[in-house]
Amino acid sequence: MSDANRHYVLAAGGTGGHLIPAFALAAELERRGHHVALITDERGATIPGKPDFLPAHVLPAGRFGKNPLSWIGGARAVMQGRQMALRLFETFQPSAVVGFGGYPAMPALLAATSANIPSVVHEQNAVLGRVNRLLSGRVQAIATAYPDVKRLKLKFADKVFLVGNPVRKEVLGLRDEPFPPFSEDGLLRVLVTGGSQGARILSEVVPDGLAMLQPALRARLQVTQQCRPEDLEAVRERYRSHDIPAELGTYFEDMSVRLADAHLFIGRAGASTIAELTAVGRPAILIPLPIATDDHQTYNAREMVKSGGARAIRQTDFTPNQVAKQIQAMAQRPETLATAAHAAWNCGRPKAASDLADLVESFGGSELMDVIRVGGGKERQAEHGEAAVHGSARDASS
């Protein structure tokens, strides 16, 4: 198989957080002339956004919950999936297998180890996920989206690479567009989304918080909000009672267009959300999902908050008064919001898909260039016994 035409297998759990970066990498590898296949679960095989060229193979994965009795069935499913992955590898002959987290990635990565196929894991969050944590000792490289990743052991620092979190092409295309004009008397367009697990509290708090803004700012509001279907009418009535114009929906297919028009985002701190906000450069008020595994959304928000591009509110402190207070502080002057937007933009890593593809191509092809190795074991967090990653393959803010 020539260097110009190799095969790669991507393995990811069936949620958008795992699959969006997998799809972005698949598109980049396909653009470079390689063949790519996807291993996932039943949800992932039908999720919107999967490239037409990408065949999906559904493998049993199993889950390992808190009840030890479930582990036997989970282990059996993983071993069954591993055997199926090995049969796929025999025919597809991948140069490398790339895991994006989630239990469906585990059988493919275990099979890669058995077949002596190089493997890479990509971690989207600022806390190393369970599957990536379990397999970090077996893989050849660990690609991260943040310079500081919790639960990443110090002994793996030499194989850690900061690449960022790949985003959808239509979102990345907005990076060079200017921040929407925002003046003392112009509209303030607010985009609110909460995701499937967290939209209810946003629906309950945000409308009342916007209603508490000073009249001059409140009169300029134009809101777009994603709601759960069962909350839609109640939220619509709440905005109507406050006389605030709002477009509501359960799903917006043109989310990239909505993001392009927005002056301010209010929502959760999922990895893909942060990656898109920083790719485009949009200031945000972030409410980390408190039930997220290992509280990873709180850590996801830290880089953006530290830069001045976002403000984070713990869910226990998320009240209408706090929403109004934070918006008033961010939008009281046009330059304040624009400065926050630029700070968010500076956190973006727009070459994430390309840098991850470079890393993946280094296995089974040309030797890995030293310039993209950023772990190096030199920068460490000794107090946590964790690997810290500093730098990146390229200047992420260019």
Foldseek 3Di string as FASTA:
>chain_A
DALQEFEEEEEEELDPLQVQLVQLLCVVNVVSHYQYEYEYAPNNQPPPPRDPRYHYDHAFFADDDPDNVRVVVRVVRLCRRLVVLLVVCVVRVGLEYEYRDDRRRQSNLVNCLVVVRAYEYEYLFLERDDSCLVCVVRHQAYEYQDQHHHSAFLVSLQRYFYQHGAHDPLLLVLQPPAQPDDAQQAAAEEEEEEPPPGQVVCLVAVLLLLLPADPSNSVRYEYEYAHDPVCVVVSVVSNVVSVHHYHYYNDDPVVSVSLSNHLEYEYAQRSRVLQSLQSNQHAYEHEHDCPPVVSRSVVSCVQLVVLLLYHYDYPVRRHSNVSNVVCCVQVVGSVSSSSSSVSSNQSHQSCSSVLVSLVSSCRSHPHRDPLRRFSNSPDDDVVNSHGGGDDGSDNRND
